[in-house]
Amino acid sequence: MLELVPFALLSFATTFLLTPKVMAWAAKHGYVGVDLHKELRPSVPEQGGIAVVAGFLAPALLYAILFQASAGFYVTLLAVLLVAALGYYDRIRRLSAREKLLYPAAIGVLLLPFVKDTSIAGVELGMVYLLALPIAFMCACNFTNMLAGFNGLEIGTGAIASLGVAAVALLKGEQESLAIALLLFASLIAFLYYNRYPARVFPGDVATLAIGAALFPAVVFGKLELEGALIFLPYAADAALKFFSAGVMTRESQQPTPLRGGLLHAPERGNLSLPRLLLRLRPMREPHAVALVWAVELACAAAAVALALR
């Protein structure tokens, strides 16, 4: 554990120092988005997730070289890089809903040769496990990408999920899964400084897709599937609410959450989501709605840790 501290600090520092440079580059080249949940709808630089991915990958690669990491560790880094590149490409040329399913699943196939245990909780699944793995990888990437829309929501939730996976991996003695989750946590926390309300930068799909791409292999290779399912539960719930309320959605088909008098309101029509479900309790300011989703993720991460302690 202690040997990971310098790498986590390097991850934090790299992301923290690189983010302003990425913000300036994004603004210069027109990579900006409109903050739809502000009265004045300001323009905010996008693609800040490049700093998150760089801040994660560079220290992780250094760790892998110095500590002779397994091939599974290296393929995890490759999967994160490819998924992040896919997220960047989506900003340049919008991917169709079908492409967003097929491409991440194809990247997930890269994990298959490095899976050594196809059982869950002592139940051997064999070929079923292997066939489901690329699909589950695709779901993990898309789920962490979908639970988004408010300042700090996706990054803060991802940081809590990463910390949960790190804690479970520590309890289980899975050093490489711990390294992946801890370095991702450090990078996300550094970026959250700029992305928290009121956001000065948006992560873009580069980071939101990469969160799932990093945590899923950490769960699979560390044999943390049961605990990982609990940690990913809020993401799965959000995706299910969106699918069953509106079917397969595109970015363009989504409407912003209504903002009246500085408070977010659950819309009477349109798709549901985890944040909108919570807004049905009462209208809230954006930071409060985000904090409530963070609390849900934190509760699930705590349940995962409790399960690992049994």
C-alpha atoms as a PDB file:
ATOM      1  CA  MET A   1       0.000   0.000   0.000  1.00  0.00           C
ATOM      2  CA  LEU A   2       2.668   2.518   1.028  1.00  0.00           C
ATOM      3  CA  GLU A   3       4.618   2.012  -2.195  1.00  0.00           C
ATOM      4  CA  LEU A   4       1.572   3.305  -4.093  1.00  0.00           C
ATOM      5  CA  VAL A   5       1.523   6.662  -2.290  1.00  0.00           C
ATOM      6  CA  PRO A   6       4.188   8.354  -4.485  1.00  0.00           C
ATOM      7  CA  PHE A   7       2.382   7.194  -7.620  1.00  0.00           C
ATOM      8  CA  ALA A   8      -0.954   8.481  -6.316  1.00  0.00           C
ATOM      9  CA  LEU A   9       0.651  11.838  -5.513  1.00  0.00           C
ATOM     10  CA  LEU A  10       2.153  11.922  -9.006  1.00  0.00           C
ATOM     11  CA  SER A  11      -1.248  11.140 -10.496  1.00  0.00           C
ATOM     12  CA  PHE A  12      -2.856  13.957  -8.530  1.00  0.00           C
ATOM     13  CA  ALA A  13      -0.124  16.467  -9.388  1.00  0.00           C
ATOM     14  CA  THR A  14      -0.075  15.574 -13.084  1.00  0.00           C
ATOM     15  CA  THR A  15      -3.815  16.011 -13.470  1.00  0.00           C
ATOM     16  CA  PHE A  16      -3.939  19.139 -11.337  1.00  0.00           C
ATOM     17  CA  LEU A  17      -1.166  20.875 -13.279  1.00  0.00           C
ATOM     18  CA  LEU A  18      -2.212  19.642 -16.714  1.00  0.00           C
ATOM     19  CA  THR A  19      -5.905  20.550 -16.474  1.00  0.00           C
ATOM     20  CA  PRO A  20      -5.473  24.348 -16.905  1.00  0.00           C
ATOM     21  CA  LYS A  21      -3.338  23.723 -19.992  1.00  0.00           C
ATOM     22  CA  VAL A  22      -5.992  21.418 -21.451  1.00  0.00           C
ATOM     23  CA  MET A  23      -8.648  24.032 -20.650  1.00  0.00           C
ATOM     24  CA  ALA A  24      -6.719  26.697 -22.557  1.00  0.00           C
ATOM     25  CA  TRP A  25      -6.146  24.350 -25.504  1.00  0.00           C
ATOM     26  CA  ALA A  26      -9.830  23.368 -25.609  1.00  0.00           C
ATOM     27  CA  ALA A  27     -11.012  26.979 -25.541  1.00  0.00           C
ATOM     28  CA  LYS A  28      -8.554  27.938 -28.283  1.00  0.00           C
ATOM     29  CA  HIS A  29      -9.706  25.136 -30.606  1.00  0.00           C
ATOM     30  CA  GLY A  30     -13.419  25.549 -29.966  1.00  0.00           C
ATOM     31  CA  TYR A  31     -13.945  22.522 -27.745  1.00  0.00           C
ATOM     32  CA  VAL A  32     -16.525  24.203 -25.532  1.00  0.00           C
ATOM     33  CA  GLY A  33     -19.933  23.266 -24.246  1.00  0.00           C
ATOM     34  CA  VAL A  34     -22.844  25.193 -22.791  1.00  0.00           C
ATOM     35  CA  ASP A  35     -23.604  24.758 -19.098  1.00  0.00           C
ATOM     36  CA  LEU A  36     -27.327  24.156 -19.524  1.00  0.00           C
ATOM     37  CA  HIS A  37     -28.135  24.253 -15.819  1.00  0.00           C
ATOM     38  CA  LYS A  38     -27.123  27.861 -15.223  1.00  0.00           C
ATOM     39  CA  GLU A  39     -29.352  30.882 -15.760  1.00  0.00           C
ATOM     40  CA  LEU A  40     -26.835  32.587 -18.074  1.00  0.00           C
ATOM     41  CA  ARG A  41     -25.782  29.331 -19.805  1.00  0.00           C
ATOM     42  CA  PRO A  42     -22.038  30.087 -19.909  1.00  0.00           C
ATOM     43  CA  SER A  43     -19.646  28.375 -22.324  1.00  0.00           C
ATOM     44  CA  VAL A  44     -17.214  26.001 -20.616  1.00  0.00           C
ATOM     45  CA  PRO A  45     -14.116  24.273 -22.080  1.00  0.00           C
ATOM     46  CA  GLU A  46     -14.624  20.561 -22.733  1.00  0.00           C
ATOM     47  CA  GLN A  47     -12.247  17.611 -23.179  1.00  0.00           C
ATOM     48  CA  GLY A  48     -10.711  18.199 -19.748  1.00  0.00           C
ATOM     49  CA  GLY A  49     -10.762  14.446 -19.377  1.00  0.00           C
ATOM     50  CA  ILE A  50      -7.544  14.358 -21.383  1.00  0.00           C
ATOM     51  CA  ALA A  51      -5.795  15.554 -18.215  1.00  0.00           C
ATOM     52  CA  VAL A  52      -7.562  12.886 -16.150  1.00  0.00           C
ATOM     53  CA  VAL A  53      -6.490  10.074 -18.472  1.00  0.00           C
ATOM     54  CA  ALA A  54      -2.912  11.375 -18.770  1.00  0.00           C
ATOM     55  CA  GLY A  55      -2.689  11.818 -15.002  1.00  0.00           C
ATOM     56  CA  PHE A  56      -3.826   8.237 -14.535  1.00  0.00           C
ATOM     57  CA  LEU A  57      -1.941   6.462 -17.326  1.00  0.00           C
ATOM     58  CA  ALA A  58       1.539   7.973 -16.866  1.00  0.00           C
ATOM     59  CA  PRO A  59       1.980   7.039 -13.169  1.00  0.00           C
ATOM     60  CA  ALA A  60       0.244   3.690 -13.755  1.00  0.00           C
ATOM     61  CA  LEU A  61       2.667   2.829 -16.550  1.00  0.00           C
ATOM     62  CA  LEU A  62       5.618   3.866 -14.376  1.00  0.00           C
ATOM     63  CA  TYR A  63       4.282   1.653 -11.573  1.00  0.00           C
ATOM     64  CA  ALA A  64       3.868  -1.267 -13.988  1.00  0.00           C
ATOM     65  CA  ILE A  65       7.473  -0.970 -15.174  1.00  0.00           C
ATOM     66  CA  LEU A  66       9.028  -0.573 -11.732  1.00  0.00           C
ATOM     67  CA  PHE A  67       7.004  -3.316 -10.055  1.00  0.00           C
ATOM     68  CA  GLN A  68       6.858  -5.778 -12.967  1.00  0.00           C
ATOM     69  CA  ALA A  69       3.079  -5.721 -13.302  1.00  0.00           C
ATOM     70  CA  SER A  70       1.162  -8.543 -14.916  1.00  0.00           C
ATOM     71  CA  ALA A  71       0.058  -8.589 -18.537  1.00  0.00           C
ATOM     72  CA  GLY A  72      -3.492  -7.970 -17.303  1.00  0.00           C
ATOM     73  CA  PHE A  73      -2.362  -4.667 -15.802  1.00  0.00           C
ATOM     74  CA  TYR A  74      -0.883  -3.556 -19.113  1.00  0.00           C
ATOM     75  CA  VAL A  75      -3.992  -4.558 -21.062  1.00  0.00           C
ATOM     76  CA  THR A  76      -6.078  -2.531 -18.597  1.00  0.00           C
ATOM     77  CA  LEU A  77      -4.024   0.555 -19.428  1.00  0.00           C
ATOM     78  CA  LEU A  78      -4.398  -0.184 -23.137  1.00  0.00           C
ATOM     79  CA  ALA A  79      -8.172  -0.533 -22.763  1.00  0.00           C
ATOM     80  CA  VAL A  80      -8.364   2.811 -20.928  1.00  0.00           C
ATOM     81  CA  LEU A  81      -6.319   4.502 -23.648  1.00  0.00           C
ATOM     82  CA  LEU A  82      -8.458   3.065 -26.459  1.00  0.00           C
ATOM     83  CA  VAL A  83     -11.739   3.921 -24.754  1.00  0.00           C
ATOM     84  CA  ALA A  84     -10.529   7.450 -24.008  1.00  0.00           C
ATOM     85  CA  ALA A  85      -9.540   7.843 -27.663  1.00  0.00           C
ATOM     86  CA  LEU A  86     -13.019   6.656 -28.604  1.00  0.00           C
ATOM     87  CA  GLY A  87     -14.496   9.341 -26.347  1.00  0.00           C
ATOM     88  CA  TYR A  88     -12.351  11.997 -28.015  1.00  0.00           C
ATOM     89  CA  TYR A  89     -13.355  10.765 -31.463  1.00  0.00           C
ATOM     90  CA  ASP A  90     -17.006  10.956 -30.438  1.00  0.00           C
ATOM     91  CA  ARG A  91     -16.522  14.699 -29.823  1.00  0.00           C
ATOM     92  CA  ILE A  92     -15.154  15.155 -33.351  1.00  0.00           C
ATOM     93  CA  ARG A  93     -17.597  12.899 -35.182  1.00  0.00           C
ATOM     94  CA  ARG A  94     -20.606  11.894 -33.147  1.00  0.00           C
ATOM     95  CA  LEU A  95     -20.820   8.124 -32.817  1.00  0.00           C
ATOM     96  CA  SER A  96     -24.165   6.459 -33.334  1.00  0.00           C
ATOM     97  CA  ALA A  97     -25.843   4.576 -30.488  1.00  0.00           C
ATOM     98  CA  ARG A  98     -24.883   1.336 -32.210  1.00  0.00           C
ATOM     99  CA  GLU A  99     -21.223   2.347 -32.471  1.00  0.00           C
ATOM    100  CA  LYS A 100     -21.164   3.262 -28.792  1.00  0.00           C
ATOM    101  CA  LEU A 101     -22.165  -0.319 -28.057  1.00  0.00           C
ATOM    102  CA  LEU A 102     -20.004  -2.153 -30.580  1.00  0.00           C
ATOM    103  CA  TYR A 103     -16.680  -0.340 -30.201  1.00  0.00           C
ATOM    104  CA  PRO A 104     -16.340  -0.607 -26.398  1.00  0.00           C
ATOM    105  CA  ALA A 105     -17.416  -4.267 -26.578  1.00  0.00           C
ATOM    106  CA  ALA A 106     -14.678  -4.882 -29.172  1.00  0.00           C
ATOM    107  CA  ILE A 107     -12.138  -3.265 -26.832  1.00  0.00           C
ATOM    108  CA  GLY A 108     -13.441  -5.464 -24.023  1.00  0.00           C
ATOM    109  CA  VAL A 109     -12.464  -8.539 -26.044  1.00  0.00           C
ATOM    110  CA  LEU A 110      -8.827  -7.602 -25.360  1.00  0.00           C
ATOM    111  CA  LEU A 111      -9.334  -8.603 -21.727  1.00  0.00           C
ATOM    112  CA  LEU A 112     -10.344 -12.192 -22.508  1.00  0.00           C
ATOM    113  CA  PRO A 113      -6.886 -13.806 -22.892  1.00  0.00           C
ATOM    114  CA  PHE A 114      -5.900 -12.561 -19.433  1.00  0.00           C
ATOM    115  CA  VAL A 115      -8.892 -13.895 -17.493  1.00  0.00           C
ATOM    116  CA  LYS A 116      -7.679 -16.770 -15.312  1.00  0.00           C
ATOM    117  CA  ASP A 117     -10.754 -17.389 -13.171  1.00  0.00           C
ATOM    118  CA  THR A 118     -14.239 -17.627 -14.665  1.00  0.00           C
ATOM    119  CA  SER A 119     -16.104 -18.215 -11.405  1.00  0.00           C
ATOM    120  CA  ILE A 120     -18.109 -15.816  -9.268  1.00  0.00           C
ATOM    121  CA  ALA A 121     -18.608 -16.536  -5.563  1.00  0.00           C
ATOM    122  CA  GLY A 122     -17.402 -20.084  -6.106  1.00  0.00           C
ATOM    123  CA  VAL A 123     -19.796 -20.787  -8.972  1.00  0.00           C
ATOM    124  CA  GLU A 124     -17.940 -21.758 -12.148  1.00  0.00           C
ATOM    125  CA  LEU A 125     -19.453 -20.008 -15.164  1.00  0.00           C
ATOM    126  CA  GLY A 126     -16.883 -20.950 -17.791  1.00  0.00           C
ATOM    127  CA  MET A 127     -17.818 -19.873 -21.293  1.00  0.00           C
ATOM    128  CA  VAL A 128     -20.809 -17.852 -20.054  1.00  0.00           C
ATOM    129  CA  TYR A 129     -18.420 -15.631 -18.088  1.00  0.00           C
ATOM    130  CA  LEU A 130     -16.158 -15.126 -21.095  1.00  0.00           C
ATOM    131  CA  LEU A 131     -19.023 -14.359 -23.467  1.00  0.00           C
ATOM    132  CA  ALA A 132     -20.535 -11.866 -21.041  1.00  0.00           C
ATOM    133  CA  LEU A 133     -17.271 -10.079 -20.254  1.00  0.00           C
ATOM    134  CA  PRO A 134     -17.015  -7.824 -23.366  1.00  0.00           C
ATOM    135  CA  ILE A 135     -20.688  -6.907 -23.007  1.00  0.00           C
ATOM    136  CA  ALA A 136     -20.229  -6.119 -19.331  1.00  0.00           C
ATOM    137  CA  PHE A 137     -17.152  -4.025 -20.160  1.00  0.00           C
ATOM    138  CA  MET A 138     -19.195  -2.076 -22.707  1.00  0.00           C
ATOM    139  CA  CYS A 139     -21.941  -1.537 -20.131  1.00  0.00           C
ATOM    140  CA  ALA A 140     -19.466  -0.342 -17.498  1.00  0.00           C
ATOM    141  CA  CYS A 141     -17.990   2.245 -19.875  1.00  0.00           C
ATOM    142  CA  ASN A 142     -21.365   3.517 -21.034  1.00  0.00           C
ATOM    143  CA  PHE A 143     -22.881   3.533 -17.556  1.00  0.00           C
ATOM    144  CA  THR A 144     -20.125   5.768 -16.130  1.00  0.00           C
ATOM    145  CA  ASN A 145     -20.583   7.990 -19.174  1.00  0.00           C
ATOM    146  CA  MET A 146     -24.366   8.256 -18.768  1.00  0.00           C
ATOM    147  CA  LEU A 147     -24.542   9.287 -15.102  1.00  0.00           C
ATOM    148  CA  ALA A 148     -23.593  12.866 -15.927  1.00  0.00           C
ATOM    149  CA  GLY A 149     -24.941  16.314 -16.697  1.00  0.00           C
ATOM    150  CA  PHE A 150     -24.335  18.367 -13.553  1.00  0.00           C
ATOM    151  CA  ASN A 151     -21.156  20.039 -12.342  1.00  0.00           C
ATOM    152  CA  GLY A 152     -18.943  17.508 -10.581  1.00  0.00           C
ATOM    153  CA  LEU A 153     -21.473  14.682 -10.876  1.00  0.00           C
ATOM    154  CA  GLU A 154     -19.608  12.195 -13.033  1.00  0.00           C
ATOM    155  CA  ILE A 155     -16.158  12.992 -11.658  1.00  0.00           C
ATOM    156  CA  GLY A 156     -17.186  12.952  -7.994  1.00  0.00           C
ATOM    157  CA  THR A 157     -19.216   9.785  -8.396  1.00  0.00           C
ATOM    158  CA  GLY A 158     -16.317   8.161 -10.237  1.00  0.00           C
ATOM    159  CA  ALA A 159     -13.924   9.178  -7.477  1.00  0.00           C
ATOM    160  CA  ILE A 160     -16.151   7.580  -4.823  1.00  0.00           C
ATOM    161  CA  ALA A 161     -16.519   4.421  -6.918  1.00  0.00           C
ATOM    162  CA  SER A 162     -12.744   4.299  -7.399  1.00  0.00           C
ATOM    163  CA  LEU A 163     -12.148   4.703  -3.689  1.00  0.00           C
ATOM    164  CA  GLY A 164     -14.636   1.910  -3.021  1.00  0.00           C
ATOM    165  CA  VAL A 165     -12.858  -0.452  -5.419  1.00  0.00           C
ATOM    166  CA  ALA A 166      -9.509   0.548  -3.880  1.00  0.00           C
ATOM    167  CA  ALA A 167     -10.757  -0.208  -0.360  1.00  0.00           C
ATOM    168  CA  VAL A 168     -12.149  -3.595  -1.380  1.00  0.00           C
ATOM    169  CA  ALA A 169      -8.945  -4.466  -3.260  1.00  0.00           C
ATOM    170  CA  LEU A 170      -6.891  -3.524  -0.197  1.00  0.00           C
ATOM    171  CA  LEU A 171      -9.003  -5.782   2.018  1.00  0.00           C
ATOM    172  CA  LYS A 172      -8.713  -8.633  -0.482  1.00  0.00           C
ATOM    173  CA  GLY A 173      -4.975  -8.171  -0.957  1.00  0.00           C
ATOM    174  CA  GLU A 174      -5.287  -7.431  -4.688  1.00  0.00           C
ATOM    175  CA  GLN A 175      -2.357  -5.085  -5.218  1.00  0.00           C
ATOM    176  CA  GLU A 176      -2.782  -4.358  -8.919  1.00  0.00           C
ATOM    177  CA  SER A 177      -6.517  -3.673  -8.614  1.00  0.00           C
ATOM    178  CA  LEU A 178      -5.678  -1.389  -5.710  1.00  0.00           C
ATOM    179  CA  ALA A 179      -3.120   0.439  -7.857  1.00  0.00           C
ATOM    180  CA  ILE A 180      -5.577   0.979 -10.721  1.00  0.00           C
ATOM    181  CA  ALA A 181      -8.376   2.243  -8.475  1.00  0.00           C
ATOM    182  CA  LEU A 182      -6.169   4.401  -6.243  1.00  0.00           C
ATOM    183  CA  LEU A 183      -4.401   6.163  -9.113  1.00  0.00           C
ATOM    184  CA  LEU A 184      -7.724   6.786 -10.838  1.00  0.00           C
ATOM    185  CA  PHE A 185      -9.121   8.190  -7.591  1.00  0.00           C
ATOM    186  CA  ALA A 186      -6.170  10.571  -7.230  1.00  0.00           C
ATOM    187  CA  SER A 187      -6.549  11.817 -10.800  1.00  0.00           C
ATOM    188  CA  LEU A 188     -10.302  12.325 -10.471  1.00  0.00           C
ATOM    189  CA  ILE A 189     -10.005  14.197  -7.174  1.00  0.00           C
ATOM    190  CA  ALA A 190      -7.472  16.560  -8.737  1.00  0.00           C
ATOM    191  CA  PHE A 191      -9.770  17.232 -11.684  1.00  0.00           C
ATOM    192  CA  LEU A 192     -12.777  17.726  -9.399  1.00  0.00           C
ATOM    193  CA  TYR A 193     -11.153  20.926  -8.125  1.00  0.00           C
ATOM    194  CA  TYR A 194     -11.835  22.467 -11.552  1.00  0.00           C
ATOM    195  CA  ASN A 195     -15.037  20.575 -12.358  1.00  0.00           C
ATOM    196  CA  ARG A 196     -16.946  21.172  -9.129  1.00  0.00           C
ATOM    197  CA  TYR A 197     -19.767  23.737  -9.021  1.00  0.00           C
ATOM    198  CA  PRO A 198     -19.505  26.158 -10.755  1.00  0.00           C
ATOM    199  CA  ALA A 199     -17.540  24.101 -13.270  1.00  0.00           C
ATOM    200  CA  ARG A 200     -14.616  25.722 -15.058  1.00  0.00           C
ATOM    201  CA  VAL A 201     -14.135  22.679 -17.312  1.00  0.00           C
ATOM    202  CA  PHE A 202     -16.127  19.662 -18.474  1.00  0.00           C
ATOM    203  CA  PRO A 203     -14.507  16.208 -18.635  1.00  0.00           C
ATOM    204  CA  GLY A 204     -16.113  15.046 -21.873  1.00  0.00           C
ATOM    205  CA  ASP A 205     -16.512  11.414 -22.858  1.00  0.00           C
ATOM    206  CA  VAL A 206     -12.725  11.026 -22.712  1.00  0.00           C
ATOM    207  CA  ALA A 207     -12.889  10.769 -18.925  1.00  0.00           C
ATOM    208  CA  THR A 208     -16.403   9.482 -18.299  1.00  0.00           C
ATOM    209  CA  LEU A 209     -15.946   6.446 -20.544  1.00  0.00           C
ATOM    210  CA  ALA A 210     -12.456   5.838 -19.157  1.00  0.00           C
ATOM    211  CA  ILE A 211     -13.737   5.547 -15.573  1.00  0.00           C
ATOM    212  CA  GLY A 212     -15.618   2.377 -16.432  1.00  0.00           C
ATOM    213  CA  ALA A 213     -12.771   1.156 -18.646  1.00  0.00           C
ATOM    214  CA  ALA A 214     -10.362   1.320 -15.692  1.00  0.00           C
ATOM    215  CA  LEU A 215     -12.572   0.072 -12.873  1.00  0.00           C
ATOM    216  CA  PHE A 216     -14.108  -2.880 -14.702  1.00  0.00           C
ATOM    217  CA  PRO A 217     -10.802  -4.722 -15.320  1.00  0.00           C
ATOM    218  CA  ALA A 218      -9.718  -3.903 -11.775  1.00  0.00           C
ATOM    219  CA  VAL A 219     -12.853  -5.658 -10.552  1.00  0.00           C
ATOM    220  CA  VAL A 220     -12.538  -8.622 -12.932  1.00  0.00           C
ATOM    221  CA  PHE A 221      -8.814  -9.308 -12.547  1.00  0.00           C
ATOM    222  CA  GLY A 222      -9.041  -8.807  -8.786  1.00  0.00           C
ATOM    223  CA  LYS A 223     -12.062 -11.138  -8.502  1.00  0.00           C
ATOM    224  CA  LEU A 224     -14.118  -8.411  -6.862  1.00  0.00           C
ATOM    225  CA  GLU A 225     -17.282  -9.037  -8.888  1.00  0.00           C
ATOM    226  CA  LEU A 226     -19.781  -9.103  -6.025  1.00  0.00           C
ATOM    227  CA  GLU A 227     -18.399  -5.980  -4.393  1.00  0.00           C
ATOM    228  CA  GLY A 228     -18.011  -4.354  -7.807  1.00  0.00           C
ATOM    229  CA  ALA A 229     -21.672  -4.984  -8.588  1.00  0.00           C
ATOM    230  CA  LEU A 230     -22.638  -3.042  -5.469  1.00  0.00           C
ATOM    231  CA  ILE A 231     -20.312  -0.178  -6.352  1.00  0.00           C
ATOM    232  CA  PHE A 232     -21.714   0.004  -9.887  1.00  0.00           C
ATOM    233  CA  LEU A 233     -25.328  -0.227  -8.685  1.00  0.00           C
ATOM    234  CA  PRO A 234     -26.087   3.539  -8.918  1.00  0.00           C
ATOM    235  CA  TYR A 235     -24.714   3.582 -12.470  1.00  0.00           C
ATOM    236  CA  ALA A 236     -26.838   0.593 -13.442  1.00  0.00           C
ATOM    237  CA  ALA A 237     -29.919   2.128 -11.810  1.00  0.00           C
ATOM    238  CA  ASP A 238     -29.408   5.385 -13.708  1.00  0.00           C
ATOM    239  CA  ALA A 239     -29.032   3.525 -17.024  1.00  0.00           C
ATOM    240  CA  ALA A 240     -32.118   1.412 -16.329  1.00  0.00           C
ATOM    241  CA  LEU A 241     -34.218   4.471 -15.495  1.00  0.00           C
ATOM    242  CA  LYS A 242     -33.175   6.144 -18.743  1.00  0.00           C
ATOM    243  CA  PHE A 243     -33.760   3.061 -20.863  1.00  0.00           C
ATOM    244  CA  PHE A 244     -37.162   2.137 -19.479  1.00  0.00           C
ATOM    245  CA  SER A 245     -38.406   5.734 -19.542  1.00  0.00           C
ATOM    246  CA  ALA A 246     -37.124   6.731 -22.987  1.00  0.00           C
ATOM    247  CA  GLY A 247     -35.452   3.752 -24.677  1.00  0.00           C
ATOM    248  CA  VAL A 248     -32.099   4.154 -26.399  1.00  0.00           C
ATOM    249  CA  MET A 249     -31.209   7.842 -26.238  1.00  0.00           C
ATOM    250  CA  THR A 250     -28.806  10.022 -28.190  1.00  0.00           C
ATOM    251  CA  ARG A 251     -27.040  13.053 -26.780  1.00  0.00           C
ATOM    252  CA  GLU A 252     -29.136  15.331 -28.992  1.00  0.00           C
ATOM    253  CA  SER A 253     -32.436  13.819 -27.830  1.00  0.00           C
ATOM    254  CA  GLN A 254     -31.793  14.621 -24.168  1.00  0.00           C
ATOM    255  CA  GLN A 255     -33.310  17.751 -22.713  1.00  0.00           C
ATOM    256  CA  PRO A 256     -31.791  19.685 -19.788  1.00  0.00           C
ATOM    257  CA  THR A 257     -33.348  19.352 -16.363  1.00  0.00           C
ATOM    258  CA  PRO A 258     -35.678  22.345 -15.822  1.00  0.00           C
ATOM    259  CA  LEU A 259     -34.170  25.198 -13.809  1.00  0.00           C
ATOM    260  CA  ARG A 260     -36.516  27.653 -12.112  1.00  0.00           C
ATOM    261  CA  GLY A 261     -35.528  30.192  -9.514  1.00  0.00           C
ATOM    262  CA  GLY A 262     -32.089  28.639  -9.146  1.00  0.00           C
ATOM    263  CA  LEU A 263     -33.556  25.222  -8.344  1.00  0.00           C
ATOM    264  CA  LEU A 264     -33.528  22.074 -10.462  1.00  0.00           C
ATOM    265  CA  HIS A 265     -36.937  20.452 -10.902  1.00  0.00           C
ATOM    266  CA  ALA A 266     -37.814  16.927 -11.948  1.00  0.00           C
ATOM    267  CA  PRO A 267     -39.370  17.269 -15.417  1.00  0.00           C
ATOM    268  CA  GLU A 268     -42.967  16.197 -15.908  1.00  0.00           C
ATOM    269  CA  ARG A 269     -42.040  14.601 -19.226  1.00  0.00           C
ATOM    270  CA  GLY A 270     -38.880  13.213 -20.760  1.00  0.00           C
ATOM    271  CA  ASN A 271     -36.505  10.565 -19.560  1.00  0.00           C
ATOM    272  CA  LEU A 272     -35.913   9.645 -15.964  1.00  0.00           C
ATOM    273  CA  SER A 273     -32.459   9.327 -14.407  1.00  0.00           C
ATOM    274  CA  LEU A 274     -31.063   8.780 -10.937  1.00  0.00           C
ATOM    275  CA  PRO A 275     -30.627  12.531 -10.281  1.00  0.00           C
ATOM    276  CA  ARG A 276     -34.109  13.282 -11.624  1.00  0.00           C
ATOM    277  CA  LEU A 277     -35.582  10.533  -9.461  1.00  0.00           C
ATOM    278  CA  LEU A 278     -33.990  12.187  -6.428  1.00  0.00           C
ATOM    279  CA  LEU A 279     -35.275  15.581  -7.566  1.00  0.00           C
ATOM    280  CA  ARG A 280     -38.792  14.201  -7.271  1.00  0.00           C
ATOM    281  CA  LEU A 281     -38.273  14.366  -3.525  1.00  0.00           C
ATOM    282  CA  ARG A 282     -38.020  18.156  -3.824  1.00  0.00           C
ATOM    283  CA  PRO A 283     -36.441  20.774  -6.110  1.00  0.00           C
ATOM    284  CA  MET A 284     -32.793  21.409  -5.241  1.00  0.00           C
ATOM    285  CA  ARG A 285     -29.845  23.575  -6.144  1.00  0.00           C
ATOM    286  CA  GLU A 286     -27.423  21.829  -8.453  1.00  0.00           C
ATOM    287  CA  PRO A 287     -24.685  21.215  -5.838  1.00  0.00           C
ATOM    288  CA  HIS A 288     -27.230  19.649  -3.471  1.00  0.00           C
ATOM    289  CA  ALA A 289     -28.559  17.302  -6.154  1.00  0.00           C
ATOM    290  CA  VAL A 290     -25.008  16.234  -6.993  1.00  0.00           C
ATOM    291  CA  ALA A 291     -24.163  15.686  -3.321  1.00  0.00           C
ATOM    292  CA  LEU A 292     -27.219  13.460  -2.970  1.00  0.00           C
ATOM    293  CA  VAL A 293     -26.075  11.240  -5.841  1.00  0.00           C
ATOM    294  CA  TRP A 294     -22.612  11.138  -4.271  1.00  0.00           C
ATOM    295  CA  ALA A 295     -24.240   9.997  -1.028  1.00  0.00           C
ATOM    296  CA  VAL A 296     -26.000   7.158  -2.836  1.00  0.00           C
ATOM    297  CA  GLU A 297     -22.712   6.037  -4.411  1.00  0.00           C
ATOM    298  CA  LEU A 298     -20.936   6.341  -1.068  1.00  0.00           C
ATOM    299  CA  ALA A 299     -23.575   4.135   0.582  1.00  0.00           C
ATOM    300  CA  CYS A 300     -23.108   1.482  -2.116  1.00  0.00           C
ATOM    301  CA  ALA A 301     -19.315   1.660  -1.781  1.00  0.00           C
ATOM    302  CA  ALA A 302     -19.650   1.273   1.992  1.00  0.00           C
ATOM    303  CA  ALA A 303     -21.893  -1.769   1.471  1.00  0.00           C
ATOM    304  CA  ALA A 304     -19.240  -3.245  -0.813  1.00  0.00           C
ATOM    305  CA  VAL A 305     -16.564  -2.732   1.822  1.00  0.00           C
ATOM    306  CA  ALA A 306     -18.805  -4.340   4.447  1.00  0.00           C
ATOM    307  CA  LEU A 307     -19.281  -7.327   2.124  1.00  0.00           C
ATOM    308  CA  ALA A 308     -15.510  -7.632   1.667  1.00  0.00           C
ATOM    309  CA  LEU A 309     -15.052  -7.660   5.461  1.00  0.00           C
ATOM    310  CA  ARG A 310     -17.288 -10.686   5.905  1.00  0.00           C
END
